[in-house]
Amino acid sequence: MDDHLSRAEIGKDAVQSTVEAAATTAGQVTTILAGAVRDLAGALGGFATELFEIRDSVRRASAEHDEHDEG
C-alpha cells in the first residue's frame, strides 16, 4: 500500500507547525517581558526606598545642626 500525504494534509501540517512555533515563541517572549517588568519594579522600589532613607537622614542631620546652632 502506498501511503502518500495529500497536498492538503501537507499544507495543514505546515500551518500547524507554524502556529505551534509562533505560540511557543510568544510564550517565551511573554515570560522574558514579565521577568523584565518584575525586575524593573524591584529596582524602582529599591530606588524609592533609598530616596526615603536619604530624605530621613537629611532631616535628622538638619535637626541636629539646628540644635547645635541654638545651644
N, C-alpha and C. Protein backbone atom coordinates (compact mmCIF):
# COMPACT_ATOMS: atom_id res chain seq x y z
N MET A 1 0.85 -1.18 0.00
CA MET A 1 0.00 0.00 0.00
C MET A 1 0.89 1.24 0.00
N ASP A 2 0.54 2.20 -0.79
CA ASP A 2 1.34 3.41 -0.98
C ASP A 2 0.75 4.51 -0.11
N ASP A 3 1.46 4.93 0.98
CA ASP A 3 0.97 5.98 1.88
C ASP A 3 1.60 7.32 1.50
N HIS A 4 0.90 8.07 0.69
CA HIS A 4 1.34 9.41 0.32
C HIS A 4 0.41 10.42 0.98
N LEU A 5 1.00 11.50 1.45
CA LEU A 5 0.19 12.57 2.02
C LEU A 5 -0.35 13.45 0.90
N SER A 6 -1.58 13.88 1.07
CA SER A 6 -2.16 14.78 0.07
C SER A 6 -1.57 16.18 0.26
N ARG A 7 -1.69 16.98 -0.78
CA ARG A 7 -1.20 18.35 -0.69
C ARG A 7 -1.92 19.09 0.45
N ALA A 8 -3.19 18.83 0.62
CA ALA A 8 -3.96 19.49 1.68
C ALA A 8 -3.42 19.11 3.05
N GLU A 9 -3.09 17.83 3.24
CA GLU A 9 -2.58 17.38 4.54
C GLU A 9 -1.18 17.95 4.79
N ILE A 10 -0.36 18.03 3.75
CA ILE A 10 0.96 18.63 3.89
C ILE A 10 0.83 20.10 4.27
N GLY A 11 -0.08 20.81 3.63
CA GLY A 11 -0.33 22.22 3.95
C GLY A 11 -0.84 22.39 5.37
N LYS A 12 -1.75 21.50 5.77
CA LYS A 12 -2.28 21.56 7.14
C LYS A 12 -1.17 21.35 8.16
N ASP A 13 -0.29 20.39 7.91
CA ASP A 13 0.82 20.12 8.82
C ASP A 13 1.78 21.31 8.90
N ALA A 14 2.02 21.96 7.77
CA ALA A 14 2.90 23.13 7.75
C ALA A 14 2.28 24.28 8.55
N VAL A 15 0.99 24.51 8.36
CA VAL A 15 0.30 25.57 9.11
C VAL A 15 0.31 25.24 10.60
N GLN A 16 0.02 23.99 10.95
CA GLN A 16 0.01 23.58 12.35
C GLN A 16 1.39 23.79 12.99
N SER A 17 2.44 23.39 12.30
CA SER A 17 3.79 23.57 12.84
C SER A 17 4.13 25.05 13.01
N THR A 18 3.71 25.86 12.06
CA THR A 18 3.96 27.30 12.14
C THR A 18 3.24 27.92 13.32
N VAL A 19 1.98 27.56 13.52
CA VAL A 19 1.20 28.09 14.64
C VAL A 19 1.81 27.64 15.97
N GLU A 20 2.22 26.39 16.06
CA GLU A 20 2.83 25.88 17.29
C GLU A 20 4.14 26.62 17.59
N ALA A 21 4.95 26.84 16.57
CA ALA A 21 6.22 27.57 16.76
C ALA A 21 5.95 29.01 17.20
N ALA A 22 4.96 29.65 16.58
CA ALA A 22 4.62 31.02 16.94
C ALA A 22 4.10 31.10 18.38
N ALA A 23 3.29 30.15 18.78
CA ALA A 23 2.76 30.14 20.15
C ALA A 23 3.88 29.93 21.16
N THR A 24 4.80 29.04 20.86
CA THR A 24 5.94 28.79 21.75
C THR A 24 6.79 30.05 21.89
N THR A 25 7.07 30.69 20.76
CA THR A 25 7.87 31.92 20.78
C THR A 25 7.16 33.02 21.54
N ALA A 26 5.87 33.17 21.32
CA ALA A 26 5.10 34.19 22.04
C ALA A 26 5.14 33.93 23.54
N GLY A 27 5.04 32.68 23.94
CA GLY A 27 5.13 32.34 25.36
C GLY A 27 6.49 32.67 25.94
N GLN A 28 7.55 32.40 25.19
CA GLN A 28 8.90 32.72 25.66
C GLN A 28 9.10 34.23 25.80
N VAL A 29 8.62 34.98 24.81
CA VAL A 29 8.74 36.44 24.86
C VAL A 29 7.94 36.99 26.03
N THR A 30 6.76 36.46 26.26
CA THR A 30 5.94 36.91 27.38
C THR A 30 6.65 36.65 28.71
N THR A 31 7.26 35.49 28.84
CA THR A 31 8.00 35.17 30.06
C THR A 31 9.16 36.13 30.27
N ILE A 32 9.88 36.43 29.20
CA ILE A 32 11.01 37.37 29.28
C ILE A 32 10.51 38.75 29.69
N LEU A 33 9.44 39.22 29.06
CA LEU A 33 8.91 40.55 29.38
C LEU A 33 8.38 40.61 30.81
N ALA A 34 7.70 39.57 31.25
CA ALA A 34 7.18 39.55 32.62
C ALA A 34 8.34 39.61 33.62
N GLY A 35 9.41 38.88 33.35
CA GLY A 35 10.57 38.93 34.23
C GLY A 35 11.21 40.31 34.23
N ALA A 36 11.28 40.94 33.07
CA ALA A 36 11.86 42.28 32.98
C ALA A 36 11.01 43.29 33.74
N VAL A 37 9.70 43.20 33.61
CA VAL A 37 8.81 44.11 34.35
C VAL A 37 8.97 43.90 35.85
N ARG A 38 9.05 42.64 36.29
CA ARG A 38 9.25 42.33 37.70
C ARG A 38 10.56 42.91 38.20
N ASP A 39 11.64 42.71 37.44
CA ASP A 39 12.95 43.23 37.84
C ASP A 39 12.96 44.75 37.87
N LEU A 40 12.31 45.38 36.90
CA LEU A 40 12.22 46.83 36.86
C LEU A 40 11.46 47.37 38.07
N ALA A 41 10.35 46.73 38.40
CA ALA A 41 9.57 47.15 39.57
C ALA A 41 10.41 47.02 40.84
N GLY A 42 11.16 45.95 40.95
CA GLY A 42 12.03 45.77 42.12
C GLY A 42 13.10 46.83 42.20
N ALA A 43 13.72 47.16 41.07
CA ALA A 43 14.77 48.18 41.05
C ALA A 43 14.20 49.55 41.40
N LEU A 44 13.05 49.88 40.84
CA LEU A 44 12.43 51.18 41.15
C LEU A 44 11.99 51.25 42.60
N GLY A 45 11.48 50.15 43.13
CA GLY A 45 11.10 50.11 44.54
C GLY A 45 12.30 50.30 45.45
N GLY A 46 13.41 49.66 45.10
CA GLY A 46 14.64 49.83 45.87
C GLY A 46 15.15 51.25 45.81
N PHE A 47 15.05 51.88 44.63
CA PHE A 47 15.47 53.27 44.48
C PHE A 47 14.59 54.19 45.34
N ALA A 48 13.29 53.95 45.33
CA ALA A 48 12.38 54.76 46.14
C ALA A 48 12.72 54.61 47.62
N THR A 49 13.03 53.40 48.06
CA THR A 49 13.41 53.18 49.46
C THR A 49 14.66 53.98 49.80
N GLU A 50 15.65 53.96 48.90
CA GLU A 50 16.87 54.75 49.11
C GLU A 50 16.55 56.23 49.24
N LEU A 51 15.65 56.73 48.38
CA LEU A 51 15.29 58.14 48.45
C LEU A 51 14.64 58.49 49.79
N PHE A 52 13.77 57.62 50.29
CA PHE A 52 13.14 57.85 51.59
C PHE A 52 14.20 57.87 52.70
N GLU A 53 15.15 56.94 52.63
CA GLU A 53 16.20 56.89 53.64
C GLU A 53 17.09 58.13 53.59
N ILE A 54 17.41 58.59 52.39
CA ILE A 54 18.22 59.80 52.24
C ILE A 54 17.46 61.00 52.80
N ARG A 55 16.18 61.10 52.48
CA ARG A 55 15.36 62.22 52.99
C ARG A 55 15.34 62.22 54.51
N ASP A 56 15.16 61.04 55.12
CA ASP A 56 15.14 60.96 56.57
C ASP A 56 16.49 61.32 57.17
N SER A 57 17.58 60.91 56.53
CA SER A 57 18.92 61.26 57.01
C SER A 57 19.15 62.76 56.95
N VAL A 58 18.70 63.38 55.88
CA VAL A 58 18.85 64.84 55.74
C VAL A 58 18.04 65.54 56.83
N ARG A 59 16.85 65.07 57.10
CA ARG A 59 16.02 65.69 58.15
C ARG A 59 16.70 65.56 59.52
N ARG A 60 17.22 64.37 59.81
CA ARG A 60 17.90 64.18 61.11
C ARG A 60 19.15 65.06 61.21
N ALA A 61 19.92 65.12 60.13
CA ALA A 61 21.14 65.94 60.15
C ALA A 61 20.79 67.41 60.30
N SER A 62 19.75 67.85 59.63
CA SER A 62 19.34 69.26 59.75
C SER A 62 18.86 69.56 61.16
N ALA A 63 18.10 68.64 61.76
CA ALA A 63 17.61 68.85 63.12
C ALA A 63 18.78 68.91 64.10
N GLU A 64 19.77 68.04 63.93
CA GLU A 64 20.95 68.05 64.81
C GLU A 64 21.75 69.34 64.63
N HIS A 65 21.86 69.79 63.39
CA HIS A 65 22.58 71.03 63.10
C HIS A 65 21.87 72.22 63.77
N ASP A 66 20.54 72.26 63.67
CA ASP A 66 19.78 73.33 64.29
C ASP A 66 19.92 73.31 65.80
N GLU A 67 19.97 72.13 66.41
CA GLU A 67 20.14 72.02 67.85
C GLU A 67 21.49 72.57 68.28
N HIS A 68 22.54 72.32 67.52
CA HIS A 68 23.88 72.79 67.85
C HIS A 68 23.98 74.31 67.69
N ASP A 69 23.27 74.87 66.70
CA ASP A 69 23.29 76.30 66.48
C ASP A 69 22.57 77.04 67.62
N GLU A 70 21.51 76.42 68.16
CA GLU A 70 20.74 77.04 69.24
C GLU A 70 21.42 76.90 70.59
N GLY A 71 22.21 75.88 70.76
CA GLY A 71 22.80 75.55 72.05
C GLY A 71 24.03 76.24 72.35
